[in-house]
Amino acid sequence: MVRRVPEHELPSVEELIAKLKVAHTKNMVRLHFKDGSSEAGAVTYVERLGTGRIIDVTREVARDYNVYELAGIDIEGEI
């Protein structure tokens, strides 16, 4: 069972965008979504659209996301 993240615990959109700018250069990133799910892999991010994709090469899975769907970001070495 996944727990939805309460709004008061979420980082600001500006903080998430700053982390995504760093994360797109890393090999492994874990994105946590507001619905309680999370995905790990490499990320792409298009700032002007606020969208991107996380790609897990091992599982051969890709998921599109919008910055407003994110609850948090863990970057390799910071996890």
Protein backbone atom coordinates (compact mmCIF):
# COMPACT_ATOMS: atom_id res chain seq x y z
CA MET A 1 0.00 0.00 0.00
CA VAL A 2 1.31 3.45 -0.89
CA ARG A 3 0.72 6.58 1.17
CA ARG A 4 -0.14 9.82 -0.57
CA VAL A 5 2.20 12.66 0.43
CA PRO A 6 0.43 15.48 2.33
CA GLU A 7 0.67 18.88 0.61
CA HIS A 8 2.49 20.52 3.54
CA GLU A 9 5.34 17.96 3.24
CA LEU A 10 6.02 18.64 -0.45
CA PRO A 11 9.01 20.70 -1.64
CA SER A 12 8.30 23.77 -3.77
CA VAL A 13 8.18 23.46 -7.56
CA GLU A 14 11.26 25.70 -7.76
CA GLU A 15 13.23 23.28 -5.54
CA LEU A 16 12.14 20.33 -7.69
CA ILE A 17 13.17 22.11 -10.90
CA ALA A 18 16.60 22.94 -9.43
CA LYS A 19 17.10 19.26 -8.50
CA LEU A 20 15.95 18.10 -11.96
CA LYS A 21 18.55 20.36 -13.60
CA VAL A 22 21.23 18.47 -11.64
CA ALA A 23 19.56 15.05 -11.89
CA HIS A 24 19.51 14.87 -15.69
CA THR A 25 23.31 14.50 -15.67
CA LYS A 26 23.31 11.55 -13.23
CA ASN A 27 23.09 7.83 -14.00
CA MET A 28 20.66 6.97 -11.21
CA VAL A 29 17.87 9.09 -9.79
CA ARG A 30 14.75 8.12 -7.83
CA LEU A 31 11.62 10.18 -8.45
CA HIS A 32 8.87 10.07 -5.82
CA PHE A 33 5.40 10.91 -7.06
CA LYS A 34 2.50 12.52 -5.18
CA ASP A 35 0.44 9.34 -5.60
CA GLY A 36 2.99 7.48 -3.42
CA SER A 37 4.77 5.57 -6.18
CA SER A 38 8.44 5.93 -7.09
CA GLU A 39 10.66 5.07 -10.05
CA ALA A 40 14.44 4.82 -10.35
CA GLY A 41 16.58 5.36 -13.44
CA ALA A 42 18.00 8.09 -15.65
CA VAL A 43 15.89 11.20 -16.23
CA THR A 44 15.32 13.70 -18.97
CA TYR A 45 13.71 17.08 -18.28
CA VAL A 46 12.47 19.84 -20.58
CA GLU A 47 12.26 22.97 -18.46
CA ARG A 48 10.09 25.07 -20.77
CA LEU A 49 7.42 22.33 -20.81
CA GLY A 50 7.88 21.16 -17.21
CA THR A 51 7.89 17.55 -18.39
CA GLY A 52 10.36 14.72 -18.67
CA ARG A 53 10.85 10.98 -18.70
CA ILE A 54 12.45 8.56 -16.28
CA ILE A 55 14.01 5.51 -17.92
CA ASP A 56 14.87 2.28 -16.09
CA VAL A 57 17.13 0.43 -18.54
CA THR A 58 17.32 -2.70 -16.37
CA ARG A 59 13.53 -3.22 -16.37
CA GLU A 60 13.14 -1.69 -19.85
CA VAL A 61 10.50 0.72 -18.54
CA ALA A 62 10.01 4.43 -19.22
CA ARG A 63 7.51 6.76 -17.55
CA ASP A 64 6.62 10.29 -18.56
CA TYR A 65 6.13 12.81 -15.78
CA ASN A 66 5.21 16.42 -15.13
CA VAL A 67 7.05 18.43 -12.47
CA TYR A 68 3.70 19.03 -10.70
CA GLU A 69 3.31 15.24 -10.19
CA LEU A 70 6.56 14.98 -8.20
CA ALA A 71 6.79 14.76 -4.43
CA GLY A 72 10.58 14.45 -4.22
CA ILE A 73 13.83 13.58 -5.95
CA ASP A 74 16.74 11.47 -4.63
CA ILE A 75 19.97 11.83 -6.60
CA GLU A 76 22.71 9.18 -6.82
CA GLY A 77 25.20 9.72 -4.03
CA GLU A 78 22.56 11.55 -1.95
CA ILE A 79 20.25 8.51 -1.58
